[in-house]
C-alpha cells in the first residue's frame, strides 16, 4: 500500500505534463477524463469489494454455524447407546443365581456371595459408584460402593443400611427399567463435594412365583460421559451444553451455570431465564438452530436410553418420584457459538477488504500482484539459498556453519540454565581406503550411513544436533546431560553401530573426541580444540573408541575402547 501511495503522484504528474503540451484546454480535458475514469473504476471497485466482503463474512458465518451443527450431532452420537450396557448389567444382576436362591430360602449367607459379585462388577466396570439390593419395602439388603481409594466396600443389611428414596419404583413389573434424573450425589443429606454426577438405574427382582421382591439399583458415574461431551468443544469454536427437560444445565461453559435444580443459589441458571427464545424453540421442535443477540445455538433432543424394555424416568430437575407412565429419559444437547466469535471472524475480511478499498485504482492491482509475486519469488530463492548454505547436500545434515551457530546458541542456553552439554567430533577410520578402492559412490554411501546412525540416536526431547563438519568428519551436540556417563552410553552405541557396517569386506569405525561444557571449556573454540585433540588421542590409542577431553586414560589403558 505504501508503494502505491508513492507511485500514484508520479503517474498523475506525468500525465498532466503531457496534457499541458497539447494546449490550454487539453489539461482540463485530461483532468476530467482522469477524474471520470478514476471515479468509475473506484465505484466499480467499491461495489465489488462490498460484495466480496459480504460473501466472505457470510461464508465465515456459515462455517461457524456448520461447526455448531456438526458439534451437536457429535454429542448426540456420543450419547447414543452409552447406557445400554448399564441396563444389561442391572437386568443380569436381578437374575443372579445366588439372588434367586436367597429369595427362595432366605439364607442370609448368600448375601455375602451376592455382594462379592456386585464388588467384582463394580471393580471391573470402572463406571459405577454403587450397586444396591433392596427388599420389597425399599430397605437395603446389600450395598457395595467405592471408598475414597476406589476400593469396593461391602455393606450388608443391618450395618449402615439405607432406605430407597423412591418407593414408587418398587411397583415396577418384571423387565421394566427405572432411570432417575441426572443429578449430584448426596451423602448424609448433603451434596457431595466435589460434585459427583450420578444416574441411577433400577429393575425389580422377581422370584420364581412371579412376585416383586425388591430392586437392584446401579449408581452410574455420569461424570465421564459429561467429560466426553465437553471434549467435543476442544479444538473448535463451539461450546457444548447438556440441558435436562426442565431447562437446567447439566453441562455448560461456566461451572456456575450447572446444577441449578440442586443448588438454590443457582436456581435462575436455566434456559428459560438466560435464553428464553431458544428454550421456546427447543420446546417446539426436536432439533433446530436459533440465532440470538448472544450468539448461535444448535440443539437436538436426545434419548440416551433406548432399549427394548419399558423405561420409567423420574421427573427431570431432581424430582424423587418416578413417572407412572412409560416415559423415556430425555435431554437436550446444544452447541453454542458466542457472538464475539462471529465478530472476530468478520474482523479479518473487514480489515483486509477495507485496506484494499483504499487503493481504489484497479489499474494498479496488477502491478501490486506482480510486485507481490516478485517478492515471494525472491524470498523463496533467499530461503532456498539459506537452506543450501546451512545444509550438507550429501547427507541432509547441518553443515559446519549451521553446527557452529547452534553450538554457540547451546553455550548461551547452557550458561543461562546452568546445564551441561557435550560437543563431540567424530572422524571415520578406514573411510579413505573405501573411497580409494571402491570409488566415491561407495564413500558417499558410507557417509549417508553414518549420518543415519547419528540422526537415529538423537534425543529429540533434549534438542541434540548432528552435522557434517568436514569430509569424513562429523559433529554431535548432546544437550542437557545429567552426567558424562549419559554421553558415554550414547556415543558407545553410535560407535558400535558404525563399526557394525559391512562394506564389501572393508570396515569403517569411528574415533570420537568429547569435550564437556563447562567442565572442559566455556567457549566454542576451546570446546572444538579439546574435542578435536581428544579425537586424535582416540586415533593414536588404536582408533574405534571414545575419548573424553577432561579424563585422559590411565597408563597402559585407553579410556573407552571397542569391546567384542
Protein backbone atom coordinates (compact mmCIF):
# COMPACT_ATOMS: atom_id res chain seq x y z
CA UNK A 1 0.00 0.00 0.00
CA UNK A 2 2.83 2.42 0.72
CA UNK A 3 4.30 1.61 -2.71
CA UNK A 4 1.10 2.67 -4.46
CA UNK A 5 0.92 5.87 -2.43
CA UNK A 6 4.43 6.77 -3.62
CA UNK A 7 3.90 5.92 -7.30
CA UNK A 8 0.44 7.39 -7.85
CA UNK A 9 1.51 11.05 -7.67
CA UNK A 10 4.28 10.49 -10.22
CA UNK A 11 1.89 8.78 -12.63
CA UNK A 12 -0.61 11.57 -12.30
CA UNK A 13 2.11 14.17 -12.67
CA UNK A 14 3.49 12.69 -15.88
CA UNK A 15 0.03 12.53 -17.41
CA UNK A 16 -0.51 16.18 -16.54
CA UNK A 17 2.78 17.17 -18.12
CA UNK A 18 1.81 15.51 -21.41
CA UNK A 19 -1.55 17.22 -21.41
CA UNK A 20 -0.02 20.66 -20.86
CA UNK A 21 1.88 20.31 -24.07
CA UNK A 22 -1.32 19.96 -26.15
CA UNK A 23 -2.73 23.43 -25.46
CA UNK A 24 -4.55 25.37 -22.81
CA UNK A 25 -7.77 23.31 -22.79
CA UNK A 26 -6.07 19.94 -23.02
CA UNK A 27 -5.09 19.84 -19.33
CA UNK A 28 -8.69 20.49 -18.28
CA UNK A 29 -9.98 17.76 -20.56
CA UNK A 30 -7.29 15.34 -19.37
CA UNK A 31 -8.09 16.11 -15.75
CA UNK A 32 -11.80 15.47 -16.24
CA UNK A 33 -11.05 12.28 -18.13
CA UNK A 34 -8.79 11.15 -15.32
CA UNK A 35 -11.36 12.07 -12.66
CA UNK A 36 -14.20 10.31 -14.53
CA UNK A 37 -12.09 7.22 -15.12
CA UNK A 38 -10.90 7.24 -11.51
CA UNK A 39 -14.44 7.68 -10.17
CA UNK A 40 -15.79 4.91 -12.43
CA UNK A 41 -13.04 2.46 -11.52
CA UNK A 42 -13.27 3.43 -7.85
CA UNK A 43 -17.05 2.96 -7.84
CA UNK A 44 -16.80 -0.45 -9.52
CA UNK A 45 -14.04 -1.45 -7.12
CA UNK A 46 -16.01 -0.33 -4.05
CA UNK A 47 -19.10 -2.26 -5.19
CA UNK A 48 -17.01 -5.36 -5.86
CA UNK A 49 -15.23 -5.08 -2.52
CA UNK A 50 -18.53 -4.71 -0.65
CA UNK A 51 -19.90 -7.79 -2.44
CA UNK A 52 -16.73 -9.74 -1.69
CA UNK A 53 -16.80 -8.59 1.93
CA UNK A 54 -20.44 -9.63 2.32
CA UNK A 55 -19.76 -13.00 0.69
CA UNK A 56 -16.71 -13.60 2.87
CA UNK A 57 -18.49 -12.65 6.10
CA UNK A 58 -21.47 -14.82 5.16
CA UNK A 59 -19.15 -17.74 4.34
CA UNK A 60 -17.36 -17.46 7.68
CA UNK A 61 -20.70 -17.21 9.46
CA UNK A 62 -21.99 -20.30 7.65
CA UNK A 63 -18.81 -22.17 8.56
CA UNK A 64 -19.31 -21.36 12.26
CA UNK A 65 -22.97 -22.40 12.01
CA UNK A 66 -21.97 -25.67 10.32
CA UNK A 67 -19.37 -26.29 13.03
CA UNK A 68 -22.03 -25.88 15.74
CA UNK A 69 -24.45 -28.23 13.93
CA UNK A 70 -21.69 -30.82 13.47
CA UNK A 71 -20.74 -30.45 17.14
CA UNK A 72 -24.26 -31.10 18.41
CA UNK A 73 -24.54 -34.13 16.10
CA UNK A 74 -21.25 -35.43 17.50
CA UNK A 75 -22.63 -35.01 21.03
CA UNK A 76 -25.71 -36.99 20.06
CA UNK A 77 -23.53 -39.80 18.68
CA UNK A 78 -21.54 -39.86 21.93
CA UNK A 79 -24.73 -40.31 23.97
CA UNK A 80 -26.16 -42.98 21.70
CA UNK A 81 -26.32 -46.42 23.35
CA UNK A 82 -23.98 -45.32 26.15
CA UNK A 83 -26.39 -46.55 28.85
CA UNK A 84 -27.41 -49.81 27.19
CA UNK A 85 -24.70 -51.82 28.93
CA UNK A 86 -25.84 -50.41 32.31
CA UNK A 87 -29.33 -51.74 31.57
CA UNK A 88 -27.78 -55.07 30.63
CA UNK A 89 -25.85 -55.19 33.93
CA UNK A 90 -28.81 -54.30 36.12
CA UNK A 91 -31.01 -56.92 34.40
CA UNK A 92 -28.26 -59.55 34.71
CA UNK A 93 -27.81 -58.86 38.41
CA UNK A 94 -31.57 -59.05 39.02
CA UNK A 95 -31.49 -62.63 37.67
CA UNK A 96 -28.37 -63.65 39.60
CA UNK A 97 -28.42 -67.32 40.65
CA UNK A 98 -27.39 -66.59 44.24
CA UNK A 99 -30.09 -63.93 44.44
CA UNK A 100 -32.78 -66.37 43.26
CA UNK A 101 -31.65 -68.95 45.83
CA UNK A 102 -31.71 -66.27 48.52
CA UNK A 103 -35.28 -65.34 47.57
CA UNK A 104 -36.33 -69.00 47.73
CA UNK A 105 -34.70 -69.95 51.05
CA UNK A 106 -33.83 -66.67 52.79
CA UNK A 107 -30.31 -67.87 53.56
CA UNK A 108 -28.51 -64.74 54.82
CA UNK A 109 -25.13 -66.32 54.00
CA UNK A 110 -25.94 -65.88 50.30
CA UNK A 111 -25.89 -62.09 50.75
CA UNK A 112 -22.09 -62.18 51.03
CA UNK A 113 -21.81 -64.08 47.74
CA UNK A 114 -24.21 -61.62 46.11
CA UNK A 115 -22.14 -58.73 47.47
CA UNK A 116 -18.89 -60.21 46.14
CA UNK A 117 -20.32 -60.42 42.65
CA UNK A 118 -21.50 -56.81 42.96
CA UNK A 119 -17.98 -55.83 44.06
CA UNK A 120 -16.43 -57.60 41.05
CA UNK A 121 -18.84 -55.84 38.69
CA UNK A 122 -18.14 -52.51 40.39
CA UNK A 123 -14.37 -53.01 40.17
CA UNK A 124 -14.19 -54.05 36.54
CA UNK A 125 -16.75 -51.66 35.09
CA UNK A 126 -14.96 -48.57 36.42
CA UNK A 127 -18.14 -46.54 35.83
CA UNK A 128 -20.32 -47.41 38.80
CA UNK A 129 -20.37 -45.74 42.22
CA UNK A 130 -22.76 -48.16 43.94
CA UNK A 131 -24.71 -51.34 43.35
CA UNK A 132 -27.56 -51.97 45.77
CA UNK A 133 -30.08 -54.72 46.53
CA UNK A 134 -33.33 -53.55 48.13
CA UNK A 135 -36.12 -55.62 49.62
CA UNK A 136 -39.82 -55.17 48.82
CA UNK A 137 -40.10 -52.31 51.37
CA UNK A 138 -37.19 -50.40 49.93
CA UNK A 139 -34.71 -51.28 52.66
CA UNK A 140 -31.15 -52.12 51.72
CA UNK A 141 -30.10 -55.73 51.94
CA UNK A 142 -26.74 -55.29 50.20
CA UNK A 143 -24.81 -52.19 49.22
CA UNK A 144 -21.40 -52.22 47.51
CA UNK A 145 -19.78 -48.83 46.97
CA UNK A 146 -16.39 -47.37 46.18
CA UNK A 147 -14.45 -45.87 49.07
CA UNK A 148 -12.09 -42.89 48.80
CA UNK A 149 -9.29 -45.12 47.45
CA UNK A 150 -11.54 -46.64 44.79
CA UNK A 151 -11.84 -50.00 46.58
CA UNK A 152 -15.29 -51.65 46.75
CA UNK A 153 -16.75 -51.55 50.27
CA UNK A 154 -19.50 -54.05 51.14
CA UNK A 155 -22.37 -53.21 53.49
CA UNK A 156 -24.79 -55.99 54.43
CA UNK A 157 -28.31 -55.43 55.81
CA UNK A 158 -28.39 -54.06 59.35
CA UNK A 159 -24.95 -52.42 59.18
CA UNK A 160 -25.48 -48.86 58.00
CA UNK A 161 -28.29 -49.82 55.59
CA UNK A 162 -30.37 -47.05 53.98
CA UNK A 163 -33.92 -46.86 52.62
CA UNK A 164 -34.58 -46.29 48.92
CA UNK A 165 -35.79 -42.78 48.32
CA UNK A 166 -38.29 -43.51 45.50
CA UNK A 167 -40.72 -46.10 46.85
CA UNK A 168 -42.83 -45.85 43.68
CA UNK A 169 -40.03 -47.64 41.81
CA UNK A 170 -40.79 -50.70 43.93
CA UNK A 171 -44.01 -51.13 41.95
CA UNK A 172 -42.15 -51.90 38.70
CA UNK A 173 -43.07 -55.03 36.81
CA UNK A 174 -40.65 -57.66 35.53
CA UNK A 175 -38.07 -56.37 32.99
CA UNK A 176 -39.14 -52.76 33.50
CA UNK A 177 -36.41 -50.18 33.98
CA UNK A 178 -36.39 -47.18 36.27
CA UNK A 179 -33.98 -44.35 35.49
CA UNK A 180 -33.50 -41.32 37.70
CA UNK A 181 -32.78 -37.77 36.71
CA UNK A 182 -29.11 -36.99 36.20
CA UNK A 183 -28.19 -35.15 39.38
CA UNK A 184 -25.46 -34.89 42.01
CA UNK A 185 -24.58 -37.48 44.60
CA UNK A 186 -25.96 -36.75 48.05
CA UNK A 187 -24.24 -38.16 51.15
CA UNK A 188 -25.76 -37.81 54.63
CA UNK A 189 -28.28 -35.27 53.38
CA UNK A 190 -25.68 -33.01 51.74
CA UNK A 191 -24.45 -32.70 48.20
CA UNK A 192 -21.06 -34.41 47.96
CA UNK A 193 -18.07 -32.17 47.25
CA UNK A 194 -16.51 -32.20 44.76
CA UNK A 195 -19.65 -32.74 42.68
CA UNK A 196 -20.26 -36.33 41.57
CA UNK A 197 -22.86 -36.54 38.74
CA UNK A 198 -24.95 -39.69 39.22
CA UNK A 199 -27.59 -41.51 37.15
CA UNK A 200 -29.46 -44.32 38.91
CA UNK A 201 -30.91 -47.29 37.05
CA UNK A 202 -33.06 -49.94 38.75
CA UNK A 203 -35.11 -53.02 37.86
CA UNK A 204 -37.31 -55.26 40.00
CA UNK A 205 -36.20 -58.57 41.48
CA UNK A 206 -38.81 -61.21 40.60
CA UNK A 207 -38.88 -64.56 42.41
CA UNK A 208 -39.91 -67.94 40.97
CA UNK A 209 -43.55 -67.24 41.85
CA UNK A 210 -43.53 -64.02 39.83
CA UNK A 211 -43.66 -61.74 42.86
CA UNK A 212 -41.78 -58.43 43.09
CA UNK A 213 -39.30 -58.90 45.94
CA UNK A 214 -37.30 -55.69 45.66
CA UNK A 215 -34.92 -53.82 43.36
CA UNK A 216 -31.38 -53.97 42.02
CA UNK A 217 -30.03 -50.43 41.69
CA UNK A 218 -26.87 -49.27 39.91
CA UNK A 219 -25.45 -45.78 40.52
CA UNK A 220 -23.79 -44.83 37.23
CA UNK A 221 -20.95 -42.27 37.38
CA UNK A 222 -22.05 -39.85 34.68
CA UNK A 223 -19.05 -37.54 35.10
CA UNK A 224 -17.02 -39.31 32.42
CA UNK A 225 -19.92 -39.04 29.99
CA UNK A 226 -20.08 -35.29 30.64
CA UNK A 227 -16.31 -35.02 30.17
CA UNK A 228 -16.56 -36.71 26.77
CA UNK A 229 -19.27 -34.26 25.75
CA UNK A 230 -17.09 -31.38 26.95
CA UNK A 231 -14.19 -32.70 24.85
CA UNK A 232 -16.29 -32.17 21.71
CA UNK A 233 -15.75 -28.43 22.12
CA UNK A 234 -11.98 -28.67 22.37
CA UNK A 235 -10.22 -27.61 19.21
CA UNK A 236 -13.24 -25.84 17.69
CA UNK A 237 -15.10 -22.59 18.50
CA UNK A 238 -18.26 -24.24 19.86
CA UNK A 239 -19.25 -24.55 23.50
CA UNK A 240 -21.08 -27.86 24.18
CA UNK A 241 -24.04 -27.89 26.56
CA UNK A 242 -26.33 -30.53 28.03
CA UNK A 243 -29.74 -29.45 29.40
CA UNK A 244 -32.40 -31.53 31.14
CA UNK A 245 -36.05 -31.33 30.17
CA UNK A 246 -36.72 -28.56 32.71
CA UNK A 247 -34.09 -26.30 31.18
CA UNK A 248 -31.38 -26.74 33.82
CA UNK A 249 -27.79 -27.13 32.68
CA UNK A 250 -26.05 -30.45 33.32
CA UNK A 251 -23.08 -29.27 31.24
CA UNK A 252 -22.31 -25.64 30.49
CA UNK A 253 -19.30 -23.47 29.55
CA UNK A 254 -19.33 -21.88 33.01
CA UNK A 255 -19.36 -24.03 36.14
CA UNK A 256 -21.70 -21.54 37.88
CA UNK A 257 -24.42 -22.32 35.32
CA UNK A 258 -24.64 -26.05 36.17
CA UNK A 259 -26.92 -27.96 38.56
CA UNK A 260 -29.33 -25.08 39.22
CA UNK A 261 -32.10 -27.52 40.24
CA UNK A 262 -29.98 -28.74 43.17
CA UNK A 263 -28.23 -25.56 44.27
CA UNK A 264 -30.57 -22.79 45.46
CA UNK A 265 -28.06 -20.05 44.67
CA UNK A 266 -28.11 -21.16 41.02
CA UNK A 267 -31.87 -21.60 40.70
CA UNK A 268 -32.13 -18.95 37.96
CA UNK A 269 -29.42 -20.60 35.88
CA UNK A 270 -31.73 -22.23 33.34
CA UNK A 271 -32.55 -21.82 29.67
CA UNK A 272 -35.94 -20.23 30.33
CA UNK A 273 -34.27 -17.35 32.17
CA UNK A 274 -31.00 -16.90 30.25
CA UNK A 275 -32.18 -17.72 26.72
CA UNK A 276 -36.00 -17.78 26.67
CA UNK A 277 -36.34 -17.63 22.86
CA UNK A 278 -34.04 -20.63 22.47
CA UNK A 279 -36.00 -22.59 25.07
CA UNK A 280 -39.29 -21.82 23.30
CA UNK A 281 -37.89 -23.26 20.08
CA UNK A 282 -36.47 -26.30 21.93
CA UNK A 283 -39.90 -26.98 23.44
CA UNK A 284 -41.49 -26.76 19.98
CA UNK A 285 -39.21 -28.98 17.84
CA UNK A 286 -36.78 -31.83 18.41
CA UNK A 287 -33.86 -30.23 16.62
CA UNK A 288 -33.08 -26.82 15.21
CA UNK A 289 -30.97 -23.68 15.23
CA UNK A 290 -31.61 -20.29 16.82
CA UNK A 291 -29.63 -17.08 16.43
CA UNK A 292 -29.88 -14.61 19.30
CA UNK A 293 -28.09 -11.48 20.42
CA UNK A 294 -25.79 -13.71 22.49
CA UNK A 295 -24.82 -15.98 19.60
CA UNK A 296 -25.86 -19.06 17.63
CA UNK A 297 -27.42 -22.18 19.17
CA UNK A 298 -27.83 -25.59 17.55
CA UNK A 299 -29.78 -28.16 19.56
CA UNK A 300 -31.06 -31.75 19.44
CA UNK A 301 -33.45 -33.51 21.77
CA UNK A 302 -31.87 -36.87 22.61
CA UNK A 303 -32.89 -40.06 24.35
CA UNK A 304 -29.70 -41.58 25.81
CA UNK A 305 -31.51 -44.74 26.87
CA UNK A 306 -33.19 -46.64 24.05
CA UNK A 307 -33.83 -50.27 24.92
CA UNK A 308 -36.47 -52.88 24.20
CA UNK A 309 -37.77 -52.70 27.78
CA UNK A 310 -40.31 -50.27 29.25
CA UNK A 311 -38.50 -47.32 30.82
CA UNK A 312 -39.94 -45.20 33.63
CA UNK A 313 -37.99 -42.00 34.17
CA UNK A 314 -38.02 -39.74 37.17
CA UNK A 315 -39.12 -36.14 36.61
CA UNK A 316 -36.19 -34.11 35.42
CA UNK A 317 -34.85 -31.41 37.66
CA UNK A 318 -34.09 -33.73 40.55
CA UNK A 319 -37.59 -34.91 41.48
CA UNK A 320 -37.73 -38.07 43.52
CA UNK A 321 -40.91 -39.79 42.34
CA UNK A 322 -40.80 -41.69 39.08
CA UNK A 323 -43.25 -41.19 36.26
CA UNK A 324 -46.08 -43.70 36.32
CA UNK A 325 -46.25 -43.68 32.54
CA UNK A 326 -43.64 -45.28 30.35
CA UNK A 327 -41.56 -42.19 29.58
CA UNK A 328 -38.06 -42.17 28.07
CA UNK A 329 -35.22 -40.20 29.59
CA UNK A 330 -34.77 -37.01 27.55
CA UNK A 331 -32.01 -34.42 27.43
CA UNK A 332 -31.05 -31.62 25.08
CA UNK A 333 -27.59 -31.36 23.55
CA UNK A 334 -26.59 -27.89 22.43
CA UNK A 335 -23.63 -26.26 20.74
CA UNK A 336 -23.22 -22.54 21.30
CA UNK A 337 -21.07 -20.13 19.29
CA UNK A 338 -20.79 -16.72 21.03
CA UNK A 339 -21.49 -13.61 19.02
CA UNK A 340 -17.98 -12.36 19.74
CA UNK A 341 -16.57 -15.19 17.60
CA UNK A 342 -18.69 -14.09 14.64
CA UNK A 343 -17.50 -10.52 15.11
CA UNK A 344 -13.92 -11.72 15.39
CA UNK A 345 -14.30 -13.82 12.25
CA UNK A 346 -15.74 -10.84 10.36
CA UNK A 347 -12.88 -8.62 11.52
CA UNK A 348 -10.29 -10.17 9.20
CA UNK A 349 -12.18 -9.65 5.90
CA UNK A 350 -13.30 -6.24 7.11
CA UNK A 351 -9.71 -5.10 7.75
CA UNK A 352 -8.28 -6.70 4.62
CA UNK A 353 -11.01 -5.52 2.27
CA UNK A 354 -11.08 -2.08 3.91
CA UNK A 355 -7.37 -1.67 3.29
CA UNK A 356 -7.77 -2.84 -0.28
CA UNK A 357 -10.59 -0.32 -0.72
CA UNK A 358 -8.12 2.49 -0.04
CA UNK A 359 -6.36 1.68 -3.27
CA UNK A 360 -9.40 2.47 -5.50
CA UNK A 361 -7.27 2.36 -8.63
CA UNK A 362 -7.82 -1.07 -10.12
CA UNK A 363 -5.19 -0.38 -12.81
CA UNK A 364 -2.52 -0.70 -10.15
CA UNK A 365 -3.78 -4.07 -8.82
CA UNK A 366 -1.85 -5.96 -11.50
CA UNK A 367 1.31 -4.09 -10.55
CA UNK A 368 0.83 -4.95 -6.90
CA UNK A 369 0.21 -8.58 -7.78
CA UNK A 370 3.38 -8.62 -9.84
CA UNK A 371 5.33 -6.99 -7.04
CA UNK A 372 3.97 -9.49 -4.50
CA UNK A 373 4.79 -12.36 -6.84
CA UNK A 374 8.30 -11.00 -7.35
CA UNK A 375 8.74 -10.57 -3.61
CA UNK A 376 7.54 -14.08 -2.88
CA UNK A 377 9.80 -15.47 -5.58
CA UNK A 378 12.84 -13.64 -4.25
CA UNK A 379 12.03 -14.62 -0.69
CA UNK A 380 11.70 -18.25 -1.74
CA UNK A 381 15.05 -18.03 -3.52
CA UNK A 382 16.68 -16.48 -0.47
CA UNK A 383 15.25 -19.15 1.78
CA UNK A 384 16.45 -21.83 -0.59
CA UNK A 385 19.92 -20.31 -0.71
CA UNK A 386 19.96 -20.05 3.07
CA UNK A 387 18.96 -23.68 3.40
CA UNK A 388 21.63 -24.70 0.91
CA UNK A 389 24.22 -22.64 2.78
CA UNK A 390 23.35 -24.35 6.09
CA UNK A 391 22.72 -27.94 4.95
CA UNK A 392 25.11 -30.61 3.78
CA UNK A 393 23.91 -31.63 0.31
CA UNK A 394 25.03 -35.28 0.56
CA UNK A 395 23.64 -36.22 3.97
CA UNK A 396 20.94 -33.59 4.53
CA UNK A 397 22.50 -32.80 7.92
CA UNK A 398 23.57 -29.44 9.26
CA UNK A 399 26.86 -28.27 7.76
CA UNK A 400 29.71 -26.71 9.72
CA UNK A 401 28.20 -23.19 9.59
CA UNK A 402 24.87 -24.34 10.99
CA UNK A 403 26.57 -26.63 13.51
CA UNK A 404 28.77 -23.85 14.90
CA UNK A 405 25.83 -21.44 15.10
CA UNK A 406 23.83 -23.99 17.03
CA UNK A 407 26.78 -24.78 19.29
CA UNK A 408 27.10 -21.06 20.09
CA UNK A 409 23.41 -20.87 20.99
CA UNK A 410 23.76 -24.01 23.09
CA UNK A 411 26.59 -22.39 25.07
CA UNK A 412 24.37 -19.37 25.78
CA UNK A 413 21.45 -21.57 26.78
CA UNK A 414 23.58 -23.85 28.95
CA UNK A 415 25.13 -20.84 30.69
CA UNK A 416 21.70 -19.33 31.33
CA UNK A 417 20.23 -22.51 32.76
CA UNK A 418 23.48 -23.87 34.27
CA UNK A 419 23.36 -27.08 32.30
CA UNK A 420 25.97 -29.37 30.86
CA UNK A 421 26.32 -30.47 27.24
CA UNK A 422 28.88 -32.37 25.17
CA UNK A 423 30.49 -31.29 21.91
CA UNK A 424 31.74 -34.36 20.05
CA UNK A 425 33.99 -34.63 16.99
CA UNK A 426 33.68 -37.91 15.08
CA UNK A 427 36.25 -38.94 12.50
CA UNK A 428 35.87 -42.10 10.41
CA UNK A 429 38.60 -44.73 10.43
CA UNK A 430 39.08 -46.63 7.19
CA UNK A 431 36.93 -44.31 5.09
CA UNK A 432 39.74 -43.26 2.76
CA UNK A 433 40.51 -46.88 1.94
CA UNK A 434 36.92 -47.49 0.82
CA UNK A 435 36.86 -44.25 -1.14
CA UNK A 436 40.09 -45.17 -2.92
CA UNK A 437 39.30 -48.84 -3.62
CA UNK A 438 35.53 -48.84 -4.19
CA UNK A 439 35.04 -45.33 -5.53
CA UNK A 440 33.28 -42.18 -4.45
CA UNK A 441 29.81 -43.68 -4.73
CA UNK A 442 30.70 -46.23 -2.06
CA UNK A 443 32.25 -43.47 0.02
CA UNK A 444 29.06 -41.43 -0.30
CA UNK A 445 27.06 -44.44 0.85
CA UNK A 446 29.29 -44.73 3.93
CA UNK A 447 28.75 -41.05 4.77
CA UNK A 448 24.99 -41.36 4.41
CA UNK A 449 25.02 -44.49 6.57
CA UNK A 450 26.94 -42.71 9.31
CA UNK A 451 24.54 -39.75 9.06
CA UNK A 452 21.56 -42.09 9.54
CA UNK A 453 23.22 -43.65 12.58
CA UNK A 454 23.85 -40.26 14.16
CA UNK A 455 20.39 -38.87 13.44
CA UNK A 456 18.81 -42.08 14.70
CA UNK A 457 20.47 -41.71 18.10
CA UNK A 458 19.50 -38.10 18.68
CA UNK A 459 17.27 -37.40 21.70
CA UNK A 460 14.59 -35.19 20.19
CA UNK A 461 13.32 -34.02 23.59
CA UNK A 462 16.77 -32.73 24.55
CA UNK A 463 17.50 -30.78 21.38
CA UNK A 464 20.52 -32.82 20.23
CA UNK A 465 22.07 -31.97 16.85
CA UNK A 466 24.30 -33.87 14.42
CA UNK A 467 26.14 -32.31 11.50
CA UNK A 468 28.80 -32.98 8.91
CA UNK A 469 31.65 -30.56 9.55
CA UNK A 470 34.28 -31.92 7.15
CA UNK A 471 34.92 -34.60 4.53
CA UNK A 472 34.59 -37.65 6.78
CA UNK A 473 34.27 -35.68 10.00
CA UNK A 474 31.01 -35.22 11.88
CA UNK A 475 29.97 -33.12 14.84
CA UNK A 476 27.49 -34.01 17.54
CA UNK A 477 25.87 -31.87 20.25
CA UNK A 478 24.39 -33.75 23.22
CA UNK A 479 22.34 -31.24 25.21
CA UNK A 480 21.05 -31.23 28.79
CA UNK A 481 23.26 -34.04 30.02
CA UNK A 482 22.58 -35.21 33.56
CA UNK A 483 26.09 -36.68 33.76
CA UNK A 484 29.01 -37.64 31.47
CA UNK A 485 28.03 -41.31 31.61
CA UNK A 486 24.89 -40.49 29.61
CA UNK A 487 27.07 -39.09 26.82
CA UNK A 488 29.38 -42.10 27.08
CA UNK A 489 26.46 -44.53 26.66
CA UNK A 490 25.10 -42.69 23.60
CA UNK A 491 28.49 -42.41 21.94
CA UNK A 492 29.38 -46.05 22.62
CA UNK A 493 26.14 -47.06 20.94
CA UNK A 494 26.93 -44.85 17.95
CA UNK A 495 30.44 -46.27 17.75
CA UNK A 496 29.17 -49.84 17.78
CA UNK A 497 26.53 -49.15 15.12
CA UNK A 498 29.06 -47.53 12.79
CA UNK A 499 31.53 -50.38 13.28
CA UNK A 500 28.76 -52.92 12.52
CA UNK A 501 28.54 -51.78 8.89
CA UNK A 502 29.96 -54.10 6.22
CA UNK A 503 31.39 -52.52 3.08
CA UNK A 504 32.26 -55.50 0.89
CA UNK A 505 34.74 -56.84 3.38
CA UNK A 506 36.14 -53.47 4.36
CA UNK A 507 35.45 -51.91 7.73
CA UNK A 508 34.73 -48.38 8.89
CA UNK A 509 34.92 -47.35 12.52
CA UNK A 510 34.72 -44.08 14.39
CA UNK A 511 37.17 -42.25 16.62
CA UNK A 512 35.22 -39.91 18.84
CA UNK A 513 36.53 -36.98 20.86
CA UNK A 514 34.35 -35.37 23.52
CA UNK A 515 34.56 -32.03 25.30
CA UNK A 516 32.13 -31.14 28.07
CA UNK A 517 30.74 -27.67 28.73
CA UNK A 518 31.56 -26.10 31.16
CA UNK A 519 33.85 -28.78 32.66
CA UNK A 520 36.45 -28.64 29.87
CA UNK A 521 35.86 -25.20 28.32
CA UNK A 522 33.24 -22.46 28.32
CA UNK A 523 33.67 -21.15 24.77
CA UNK A 524 33.24 -22.68 21.32
CA UNK A 525 36.85 -22.50 20.17
CA UNK A 526 38.10 -24.23 23.30
CA UNK A 527 35.46 -26.93 23.08
CA UNK A 528 36.31 -27.66 19.44
CA UNK A 529 40.03 -27.72 20.13
CA UNK A 530 39.67 -30.07 23.09
CA UNK A 531 37.22 -32.36 21.29
CA UNK A 532 39.49 -32.43 18.23
CA UNK A 533 42.53 -33.23 20.39
CA UNK A 534 40.60 -35.99 22.17
CA UNK A 535 39.61 -37.44 18.80
CA UNK A 536 43.25 -37.58 17.71
CA UNK A 537 44.14 -39.22 21.02
CA UNK A 538 41.50 -41.84 20.25
CA UNK A 539 43.11 -42.45 16.86
CA UNK A 540 46.56 -42.68 18.40
CA UNK A 541 45.29 -45.13 21.01
CA UNK A 542 44.11 -47.57 18.35
CA UNK A 543 41.01 -45.95 16.78
CA UNK A 544 37.39 -47.12 17.14
CA UNK A 545 36.91 -45.65 20.59
CA UNK A 546 35.51 -42.73 22.58
CA UNK A 547 37.91 -40.34 24.33
CA UNK A 548 36.88 -37.57 26.74
CA UNK A 549 39.00 -34.41 26.82
CA UNK A 550 38.81 -33.92 30.56
CA UNK A 551 39.60 -37.51 31.59
CA UNK A 552 42.82 -38.82 29.95
CA UNK A 553 43.32 -42.60 30.04
CA UNK A 554 45.30 -44.26 32.75
CA UNK A 555 48.71 -45.55 31.87
CA UNK A 556 48.53 -48.53 29.58
CA UNK A 557 44.70 -48.41 29.21
CA UNK A 558 42.55 -46.28 26.88
CA UNK A 559 39.54 -44.53 28.38
CA UNK A 560 36.93 -46.34 26.29
CA UNK A 561 37.76 -48.90 23.68
CA UNK A 562 35.98 -51.34 21.42
CA UNK A 563 34.61 -54.47 23.02
CA UNK A 564 33.82 -57.77 21.40
